[in-house]
Amino acid sequence: MPQAALDVDAIRPCLEGVIPAVMATCDADGTPNVTYISQVEYVDARHIALSFQFFNKTRRNVLANPVVELIVVHPATGAMFRVAARYLRTETAGPLFERMKAKLAGIASHTGMSGVFRLRGADLYEVDAIELVVAPRHPAPRAGPHRLTALRRAAERVGAASDLADLVEHLLDAVVEEFGVRHAMLLMLDAAGERLYTVGSRGYGRSGVGSEIPLGEGVIGVAARMRTAIRINHATLEYAYGRAMREGLAAQALERAIPLPGLAEPGSQLAVPLACGAQLLGVLFVESPQELRFDLDDEDALSALAAQVAALARGFQACAEAPDDEPAAAAPAASPGAGPPLRVRHYVADGSVFLDDDYLIKGVAGAILWKLLDEHQRLGRSEFSNRELRLAPELRLPEVGDNLEARLLLLTRRLGDRRAPLRIERTGRGRFRLVVERPLQLSAVPR
């Protein structure tokens, strides 16, 4: 019986970069040239992309004669395949280019070649044929939890969430328990669409709730900006979060930031965007000290899970914005407990809030907390609603896409992390209560 034709899906493990591929080209006169290539990127069942780094003999040959052949090797079984392909075009921007650029940075720093390796373009090829030339020498090892089973169970868990806070917990628990990932965090996009902030994490010494990273910065920021999953399976300096964590610690010394959680020496990283249609909501990020921890099946499964979570998150936000979410009545607040006054300082310039001289939070979340405390102090209020916050001119929330639910979740978790004598309790759809356990001493610092 003739062997079924192979496609790129059949050789995906060969494209992990563990064993460099060999590439053969010919010039216009038919003179061959053979070289190693650092990156072969999976695109789909009929296409691959190769990294364009140098304008060398190989590059000149490809432009003169677009037919190439590659030898790729399965890193676990030793099986070897010959791939015949044709050059189509070079991409210098977009998700494919950014994904390859991030991976190349990981390869470069792993080999000490960060100053040499620089992606100039992603060369797209159409695959004409794939041929097995060396049979597997070893059986493929068992790859841990079956990804489809893990995905089904994780989908069931996140589908049972009742609100955004519940969804964050269900997602992170599912990633840890169903996929066997020890280190994970979820970040949401701010209303301005410029920064991502952490709303939950697993496996780190501190939660990092409230820590931020700009769009386009590192694996997380690039995955968000380009809305494409980015996976790096080598220890990397250029895209690791050591620098971001150091910057966070330095900023904390200035009392204005929370350090980003993360491994000091990650061996593998995978960032998956959460997007619902054209709207980007955030990023799911997982990492491991082990190299080659995440494969293409992990990337596919977590991408599918992220799509479901994004749709659910958008639904919870829409539910909280429903018209029957009326302003809460100005119910009298409970008397604060005994103890020394809680000194709360608010900087109007950036929304920063300090509790007893310790930094808590800034930005929109800080401005929200100050409004709640001010009305609690002046009017004796404890019951509030999402809608009245949206209508409050001093908060300057955008008319659409304000991410208020995520900001309230961030504030709630940050207060919990600090074990502050303040907390926010949900009392219904779009409603919550401010609980104050000590007398307040409020002071505002003007611009």
Protein backbone atom coordinates (compact mmCIF):
# COMPACT_ATOMS: atom_id res chain seq x y z
CA MET A 1 0.00 0.00 0.00
CA PRO A 2 1.50 3.38 -0.96
CA GLN A 3 2.34 5.69 1.91
CA ALA A 4 -0.01 8.65 2.41
CA ALA A 5 1.45 11.99 1.44
CA LEU A 6 2.90 13.91 4.36
CA ASP A 7 2.11 17.53 5.14
CA VAL A 8 3.69 20.03 7.53
CA ASP A 9 1.36 18.98 10.35
CA ALA A 10 2.97 15.54 10.29
CA ILE A 11 6.44 16.94 11.00
CA ARG A 12 5.63 19.75 13.44
CA PRO A 13 7.97 18.40 16.19
CA CYS A 14 10.87 18.73 13.71
CA LEU A 15 10.33 22.51 13.61
CA GLU A 16 11.07 23.18 17.29
CA GLY A 17 14.64 24.26 16.57
CA VAL A 18 16.23 21.61 18.79
CA ILE A 19 18.21 20.21 15.84
CA PRO A 20 19.14 22.81 13.18
CA ALA A 21 17.70 22.23 9.72
CA VAL A 22 19.91 21.83 6.66
CA MET A 23 18.94 23.96 3.65
CA ALA A 24 20.03 23.37 0.05
CA THR A 25 19.71 26.01 -2.70
CA CYS A 26 21.02 26.50 -6.23
CA ASP A 27 22.03 29.63 -8.06
CA ALA A 28 20.75 30.55 -11.53
CA ASP A 29 23.42 28.30 -13.12
CA GLY A 30 22.51 25.28 -10.97
CA THR A 31 25.49 25.47 -8.59
CA PRO A 32 24.34 24.10 -5.21
CA ASN A 33 24.90 25.60 -1.79
CA VAL A 34 24.18 23.91 1.57
CA THR A 35 23.89 25.65 4.94
CA TYR A 36 22.35 25.28 8.37
CA ILE A 37 19.35 27.43 9.21
CA SER A 38 18.42 28.45 12.73
CA GLN A 39 14.65 28.69 12.40
CA VAL A 40 11.93 26.86 10.48
CA GLU A 41 8.52 28.16 11.53
CA TYR A 42 5.25 26.27 11.16
CA VAL A 43 2.61 28.35 9.35
CA ASP A 44 -0.01 25.81 8.29
CA ALA A 45 -0.27 22.35 6.70
CA ARG A 46 1.15 23.62 3.38
CA HIS A 47 3.45 26.49 4.38
CA ILE A 48 6.56 27.14 6.44
CA ALA A 49 8.62 30.26 7.08
CA LEU A 50 12.41 30.55 7.25
CA SER A 51 14.36 33.28 8.98
CA PHE A 52 16.06 35.86 6.77
CA GLN A 53 19.03 37.19 8.76
CA PHE A 54 21.90 37.72 6.35
CA PHE A 55 22.18 38.74 2.70
CA ASN A 56 24.50 35.84 1.85
CA LYS A 57 24.91 33.12 -0.77
CA THR A 58 21.73 31.35 0.34
CA ARG A 59 19.70 34.52 0.11
CA ARG A 60 21.00 35.37 -3.37
CA ASN A 61 20.24 31.83 -4.55
CA VAL A 62 16.66 31.95 -3.25
CA LEU A 63 16.00 35.22 -5.07
CA ALA A 64 17.47 33.82 -8.29
CA ASN A 65 16.01 30.31 -8.01
CA PRO A 66 13.07 29.98 -5.55
CA VAL A 67 13.14 26.15 -5.28
CA VAL A 68 14.78 24.84 -2.07
CA GLU A 69 15.11 21.59 -0.13
CA LEU A 70 15.40 21.14 3.63
CA ILE A 71 16.39 18.27 5.88
CA VAL A 72 14.64 18.35 9.25
CA VAL A 73 14.98 15.88 12.13
CA HIS A 74 12.51 14.77 14.79
CA PRO A 75 14.25 15.60 18.10
CA ALA A 76 12.83 12.61 19.99
CA THR A 77 12.67 9.78 17.43
CA GLY A 78 15.56 10.64 15.10
CA ALA A 79 13.30 10.42 12.04
CA MET A 80 14.63 12.54 9.15
CA PHE A 81 12.52 14.21 6.48
CA ARG A 82 13.29 15.93 3.18
CA VAL A 83 11.10 18.96 2.48
CA ALA A 84 10.79 20.43 -1.02
CA ALA A 85 9.48 23.99 -1.01
CA ARG A 86 9.17 27.14 -3.12
CA TYR A 87 9.85 30.70 -1.95
CA LEU A 88 6.78 32.97 -2.12
CA ARG A 89 7.61 36.28 -0.43
CA THR A 90 9.33 37.99 2.52
CA GLU A 91 7.33 39.54 5.35
CA THR A 92 8.96 42.29 7.41
CA ALA A 93 6.02 43.11 9.69
CA GLY A 94 2.96 41.42 11.13
CA PRO A 95 2.25 38.48 13.45
CA LEU A 96 4.45 35.92 11.63
CA PHE A 97 7.44 38.25 11.58
CA GLU A 98 7.01 39.25 15.23
CA ARG A 99 6.62 35.63 16.36
CA MET A 100 9.79 34.61 14.54
CA LYS A 101 11.63 37.67 15.82
CA ALA A 102 10.80 36.76 19.42
CA LYS A 103 11.86 33.15 18.95
CA LEU A 104 15.07 34.14 17.22
CA ALA A 105 15.92 36.39 20.16
CA GLY A 106 15.56 33.36 22.43
CA ILE A 107 17.80 31.22 20.22
CA ALA A 108 20.37 34.01 19.92
CA SER A 109 20.65 34.71 23.61
CA HIS A 110 20.75 30.99 24.40
CA THR A 111 23.80 30.61 22.15
CA GLY A 112 25.44 33.89 23.15
CA MET A 113 24.79 35.44 19.72
CA SER A 114 22.34 38.21 20.66
CA GLY A 115 24.51 40.82 18.99
CA VAL A 116 24.75 38.83 15.76
CA PHE A 117 21.31 37.29 15.16
CA ARG A 118 18.83 39.87 13.89
CA LEU A 119 15.73 38.99 11.92
CA ARG A 120 15.46 41.02 8.73
CA GLY A 121 12.41 39.19 7.39
CA ALA A 122 10.27 36.07 7.52
CA ASP A 123 10.57 34.19 4.21
CA LEU A 124 7.32 32.38 3.41
CA TYR A 125 7.50 29.08 1.47
CA GLU A 126 4.89 26.76 0.01
CA VAL A 127 5.70 23.09 0.64
CA ASP A 128 5.50 20.89 -2.47
CA ALA A 129 6.46 17.53 -0.97
CA ILE A 130 7.71 15.89 2.24
CA GLU A 131 9.56 12.58 2.16
CA LEU A 132 10.72 10.33 4.99
CA VAL A 133 14.41 9.58 4.38
CA VAL A 134 15.43 8.01 7.72
CA ALA A 135 12.94 5.95 9.71
CA PRO A 136 12.44 6.65 13.44
CA ARG A 137 15.15 5.09 15.59
CA HIS A 138 13.27 5.56 18.87
CA PRO A 139 9.59 5.63 19.78
CA ALA A 140 8.14 9.03 20.51
CA PRO A 141 8.04 9.61 24.30
CA ARG A 142 4.76 10.07 26.08
CA ALA A 143 4.06 13.81 26.00
CA GLY A 144 2.34 14.23 29.39
CA PRO A 145 -1.37 15.07 29.66
CA HIS A 146 -3.28 14.63 26.43
CA ARG A 147 -3.89 18.19 25.29
CA LEU A 148 -7.42 17.63 23.97
CA THR A 149 -8.43 15.99 27.26
CA ALA A 150 -6.80 18.81 29.23
CA LEU A 151 -8.53 21.37 27.01
CA ARG A 152 -11.94 19.75 27.44
CA ARG A 153 -11.61 19.67 31.22
CA ALA A 154 -10.26 23.22 31.35
CA ALA A 155 -13.11 24.44 29.14
CA GLU A 156 -15.64 22.86 31.48
CA ARG A 157 -14.02 24.58 34.46
CA VAL A 158 -13.93 28.07 32.98
CA GLY A 159 -17.45 27.59 31.61
CA ALA A 160 -18.72 27.21 35.18
CA ALA A 161 -17.50 30.71 36.19
CA SER A 162 -20.21 33.09 37.39
CA ASP A 163 -18.34 36.42 37.03
CA LEU A 164 -14.99 37.86 36.00
CA ALA A 165 -13.31 37.20 39.36
CA ASP A 166 -14.52 33.60 39.23
CA LEU A 167 -13.29 33.27 35.65
CA VAL A 168 -9.75 34.35 36.56
CA GLU A 169 -9.57 31.77 39.36
CA HIS A 170 -11.03 28.96 37.23
CA LEU A 171 -8.65 29.70 34.35
CA LEU A 172 -5.46 29.77 36.42
CA ASP A 173 -6.50 26.66 38.37
CA ALA A 174 -7.26 24.83 35.12
CA VAL A 175 -3.90 25.76 33.59
CA VAL A 176 -2.06 24.46 36.66
CA GLU A 177 -4.12 21.35 37.34
CA GLU A 178 -5.14 20.20 33.86
CA PHE A 179 -2.03 21.17 31.88
CA GLY A 180 0.49 20.60 34.66
CA VAL A 181 1.91 24.12 34.40
CA ARG A 182 3.40 25.41 37.66
CA HIS A 183 3.90 29.09 36.79
CA ALA A 184 1.17 31.16 35.16
CA MET A 185 -0.29 34.65 35.19
CA LEU A 186 -3.19 36.48 33.59
CA LEU A 187 -2.91 40.10 32.51
CA MET A 188 -5.67 42.42 31.27
CA LEU A 189 -5.38 45.34 28.86
CA ASP A 190 -6.03 48.81 30.29
CA ALA A 191 -8.69 51.10 28.87
CA ALA A 192 -6.12 53.18 26.98
CA GLY A 193 -4.82 50.04 25.24
CA GLU A 194 -1.23 50.87 26.17
CA ARG A 195 -0.38 48.62 29.14
CA LEU A 196 -1.22 45.20 30.55
CA TYR A 197 -1.75 44.71 34.28
CA THR A 198 -1.66 41.48 36.27
CA VAL A 199 -4.97 40.32 37.79
CA GLY A 200 -3.89 36.88 39.00
CA SER A 201 -1.01 34.40 39.07
CA ARG A 202 0.05 30.96 40.25
CA GLY A 203 3.37 29.51 41.36
CA TYR A 204 5.27 32.66 42.34
CA GLY A 205 6.41 33.87 45.74
CA ARG A 206 4.18 36.94 45.35
CA SER A 207 1.03 37.36 43.31
CA GLY A 208 2.21 40.48 41.47
CA VAL A 209 -1.39 41.68 41.20
CA GLY A 210 -1.29 45.24 39.87
CA SER A 211 2.11 44.92 38.17
CA GLU A 212 2.21 46.32 34.65
CA ILE A 213 4.06 45.86 31.38
CA PRO A 214 3.77 48.05 28.26
CA LEU A 215 2.27 46.75 25.04
CA GLY A 216 5.09 45.51 22.82
CA GLU A 217 7.48 44.79 25.74
CA GLY A 218 8.86 41.25 26.01
CA VAL A 219 7.02 38.05 25.19
CA ILE A 220 3.80 39.18 26.86
CA GLY A 221 3.72 42.64 25.33
CA VAL A 222 4.59 41.45 21.82
CA ALA A 223 1.96 38.68 21.95
CA ALA A 224 -0.61 41.31 22.93
CA ARG A 225 0.45 43.89 20.35
CA MET A 226 0.51 41.40 17.46
CA ARG A 227 -2.36 39.23 18.79
CA THR A 228 -0.43 36.06 18.16
CA ALA A 229 0.86 33.34 20.47
CA ILE A 230 4.61 33.50 21.11
CA ARG A 231 6.48 30.46 22.39
CA ILE A 232 10.17 30.38 23.31
CA ASN A 233 11.72 27.11 24.42
CA HIS A 234 15.24 28.26 25.25
CA ALA A 235 16.60 30.24 28.16
CA THR A 236 16.60 33.81 26.91
CA LEU A 237 18.14 37.06 28.05
CA GLU A 238 16.56 39.45 25.57
CA TYR A 239 12.98 38.31 26.13
CA ALA A 240 13.25 37.11 29.73
CA TYR A 241 11.55 39.00 32.52
CA GLY A 242 14.64 39.49 34.67
CA ARG A 243 15.01 42.99 33.27
CA ALA A 244 11.34 43.78 33.74
CA MET A 245 11.47 42.52 37.32
CA ARG A 246 14.59 44.57 38.05
CA GLU A 247 12.89 47.64 36.63
CA GLY A 248 9.87 46.87 38.77
CA LEU A 249 11.98 46.66 41.90
CA ALA A 250 13.67 49.95 41.06
CA ALA A 251 10.32 51.59 40.50
CA GLN A 252 9.06 50.18 43.79
CA ALA A 253 11.90 51.98 45.49
CA LEU A 254 10.28 55.14 44.10
CA GLU A 255 6.99 53.94 45.65
CA ARG A 256 5.10 53.90 42.39
CA ALA A 257 5.06 50.33 41.04
CA ILE A 258 4.55 46.66 41.82
CA PRO A 259 7.21 44.16 40.63
CA LEU A 260 6.08 41.86 37.84
CA PRO A 261 6.06 38.21 38.94
CA GLY A 262 8.17 35.81 36.92
CA LEU A 263 11.02 33.32 36.96
CA ALA A 264 14.47 34.86 37.16
CA GLU A 265 15.83 32.25 34.72
CA PRO A 266 12.99 30.88 32.55
CA GLY A 267 13.77 27.98 30.25
CA SER A 268 10.47 28.10 28.35
CA GLN A 269 7.80 30.78 27.92
CA LEU A 270 4.44 30.88 26.15
CA ALA A 271 2.24 33.96 25.86
CA VAL A 272 -1.26 33.63 24.40
CA PRO A 273 -3.48 36.66 23.68
CA LEU A 274 -7.10 36.79 24.84
CA ALA A 275 -9.08 38.31 21.99
CA CYS A 276 -12.81 38.41 21.25
CA GLY A 277 -13.35 39.43 17.66
CA ALA A 278 -11.42 42.64 17.10
CA GLN A 279 -11.14 43.36 20.83
CA LEU A 280 -7.98 42.43 22.74
CA LEU A 281 -8.70 41.76 26.40
CA GLY A 282 -5.42 40.48 27.79
CA VAL A 283 -2.75 37.76 27.77
CA LEU A 284 -2.37 34.36 29.40
CA PHE A 285 1.31 33.72 30.16
CA VAL A 286 2.92 30.45 31.28
CA GLU A 287 6.57 29.65 31.87
CA SER A 288 8.88 26.95 33.19
CA PRO A 289 12.51 26.63 34.29
CA GLN A 290 12.67 23.58 31.99
CA GLU A 291 13.71 24.08 28.38
CA LEU A 292 11.41 22.68 25.67
CA ARG A 293 8.56 22.51 28.19
CA PHE A 294 5.85 23.82 25.83
CA ASP A 295 5.20 22.32 22.41
CA LEU A 296 2.88 23.19 19.55
CA ASP A 297 0.05 21.18 21.09
CA ASP A 298 0.31 23.27 24.27
CA GLU A 299 0.23 26.42 22.14
CA ASP A 300 -2.84 25.25 20.22
CA ALA A 301 -4.73 24.06 23.29
CA LEU A 302 -4.05 27.16 25.38
CA SER A 303 -4.91 29.39 22.41
CA ALA A 304 -8.30 27.66 22.12
CA LEU A 305 -8.86 28.01 25.86
CA ALA A 306 -7.89 31.69 25.72
CA ALA A 307 -10.45 32.31 22.98
CA GLN A 308 -13.19 30.83 25.17
CA VAL A 309 -12.06 32.84 28.19
CA ALA A 310 -12.02 36.06 26.15
CA ALA A 311 -15.61 35.48 25.01
CA LEU A 312 -16.72 34.76 28.57
CA ALA A 313 -14.89 37.80 29.94
CA ARG A 314 -16.49 40.04 27.35
CA GLY A 315 -19.87 38.58 28.27
CA PHE A 316 -19.35 39.30 31.96
CA GLN A 317 -18.35 42.87 31.15
CA ALA A 318 -21.46 43.34 29.01
CA CYS A 319 -23.63 41.89 31.79
CA ALA A 320 -22.17 44.35 34.29
CA GLU A 321 -23.01 47.19 31.86
CA ALA A 322 -26.69 46.17 31.57
CA PRO A 323 -29.22 49.04 31.77
CA ASP A 324 -30.85 47.78 35.00
CA ASP A 325 -27.57 48.34 36.86
CA GLU A 326 -28.94 51.45 38.65
CA PRO A 327 -26.94 53.61 41.05
CA ALA A 328 -26.87 52.13 44.53
CA ALA A 329 -28.82 53.79 47.29
CA ALA A 330 -26.79 55.80 49.74
CA ALA A 331 -27.15 53.28 52.56
CA PRO A 332 -25.48 54.24 55.84
CA ALA A 333 -22.04 52.75 56.33
CA ALA A 334 -21.22 50.47 59.22
CA SER A 335 -19.15 52.07 61.95
CA PRO A 336 -15.44 51.38 61.46
CA GLY A 337 -13.74 49.15 63.99
CA ALA A 338 -11.38 50.27 66.71
CA GLY A 339 -7.71 50.96 66.22
CA PRO A 340 -5.50 53.78 65.04
CA PRO A 341 -6.71 55.76 62.01
CA LEU A 342 -5.75 54.36 58.61
CA ARG A 343 -3.82 57.15 56.90
CA VAL A 344 -4.72 57.22 53.20
CA ARG A 345 -2.79 59.53 50.86
CA HIS A 346 -3.92 60.12 47.28
CA TYR A 347 -1.79 61.76 44.58
CA VAL A 348 -4.12 63.37 42.05
CA ALA A 349 -1.42 63.49 39.34
CA ASP A 350 -1.28 59.73 38.75
CA GLY A 351 -4.02 58.34 41.01
CA SER A 352 -1.50 56.75 43.40
CA VAL A 353 -2.86 55.67 46.77
CA PHE A 354 -0.75 54.96 49.85
CA LEU A 355 -1.97 53.26 53.01
CA ASP A 356 0.06 54.23 56.09
CA ASP A 357 2.91 55.35 53.78
CA ASP A 358 2.96 52.03 51.87
CA TYR A 359 2.17 52.10 48.14
CA LEU A 360 -1.04 50.31 47.20
CA ILE A 361 -2.11 51.12 43.64
CA LYS A 362 -2.31 53.89 41.04
CA GLY A 363 -4.15 54.94 37.90
CA VAL A 364 -7.85 54.29 37.41
CA ALA A 365 -8.00 51.74 40.23
CA GLY A 366 -6.41 54.26 42.61
CA ALA A 367 -8.85 56.98 41.55
CA ILE A 368 -11.78 54.60 42.10
CA LEU A 369 -10.61 53.71 45.60
CA TRP A 370 -10.20 57.38 46.50
CA LYS A 371 -13.72 58.19 45.32
CA LEU A 372 -15.16 55.33 47.40
CA LEU A 373 -13.24 56.36 50.52
CA ASP A 374 -14.12 60.03 50.07
CA GLU A 375 -17.85 59.31 49.79
CA HIS A 376 -17.66 56.87 52.68
CA GLN A 377 -16.05 59.58 54.81
CA ARG A 378 -18.24 62.52 53.71
CA LEU A 379 -21.58 60.82 53.10
CA GLY A 380 -21.38 57.70 55.22
CA ARG A 381 -21.85 55.47 52.17
CA SER A 382 -20.84 51.83 51.89
CA GLU A 383 -22.96 50.57 48.96
CA PHE A 384 -21.92 51.43 45.37
CA SER A 385 -22.58 50.36 41.78
CA ASN A 386 -20.55 49.98 38.63
CA ARG A 387 -22.86 52.30 36.76
CA GLU A 388 -22.31 55.28 39.04
CA LEU A 389 -18.57 54.84 38.67
CA ARG A 390 -18.96 54.92 34.89
CA LEU A 391 -20.95 58.14 35.18
CA ALA A 392 -18.49 59.82 37.58
CA PRO A 393 -16.73 62.59 35.60
CA GLU A 394 -13.71 62.71 37.93
CA LEU A 395 -12.73 59.15 36.94
CA ARG A 396 -12.58 60.10 33.24
CA LEU A 397 -13.47 56.61 32.03
CA PRO A 398 -13.86 56.16 28.27
CA GLU A 399 -17.39 55.81 26.94
CA VAL A 400 -16.66 52.29 25.68
CA GLY A 401 -14.15 49.63 26.63
CA ASP A 402 -13.42 51.03 30.10
CA ASN A 403 -12.51 47.59 31.59
CA LEU A 404 -14.15 48.69 34.83
CA GLU A 405 -14.89 45.13 35.93
CA ALA A 406 -11.23 44.19 35.56
CA ARG A 407 -10.14 47.36 37.43
CA LEU A 408 -12.46 46.57 40.33
CA LEU A 409 -11.15 43.02 40.38
CA LEU A 410 -7.58 44.35 40.43
CA LEU A 411 -8.40 46.71 43.31
CA THR A 412 -10.17 43.95 45.28
CA ARG A 413 -7.21 41.58 44.91
CA ARG A 414 -4.62 44.23 45.66
CA LEU A 415 -6.39 45.08 48.93
CA GLY A 416 -6.48 41.37 49.75
CA ASP A 417 -2.77 40.93 48.98
CA ARG A 418 -1.92 43.79 51.33
CA ARG A 419 -4.25 42.49 54.05
CA ALA A 420 -5.50 46.06 54.25
CA PRO A 421 -8.24 47.05 56.72
CA LEU A 422 -10.34 47.78 53.64
CA ARG A 423 -12.09 45.37 51.34
CA ILE A 424 -14.62 45.27 48.53
CA GLU A 425 -17.44 42.73 48.59
CA ARG A 426 -19.77 41.91 45.71
CA THR A 427 -23.44 42.32 46.62
CA GLY A 428 -25.07 41.61 43.25
CA ARG A 429 -24.71 42.21 39.54
CA GLY A 430 -22.82 45.46 39.12
CA ARG A 431 -23.03 46.23 42.84
CA PHE A 432 -20.52 46.08 45.68
CA ARG A 433 -19.90 47.14 49.24
CA LEU A 434 -16.89 48.95 50.73
CA VAL A 435 -15.95 47.56 54.15
CA VAL A 436 -13.78 49.81 56.33
CA GLU A 437 -12.32 48.22 59.46
CA ARG A 438 -10.46 51.22 60.91
CA PRO A 439 -11.18 54.95 61.14
CA LEU A 440 -9.95 56.88 58.09
CA GLN A 441 -7.62 59.84 57.84
CA LEU A 442 -7.69 61.03 54.21
CA SER A 443 -5.34 63.49 52.56
CA ALA A 444 -5.14 64.47 48.88
CA VAL A 445 -1.95 65.72 47.25
CA PRO A 446 -2.85 68.06 44.36
CA ARG A 447 -1.09 68.12 41.01
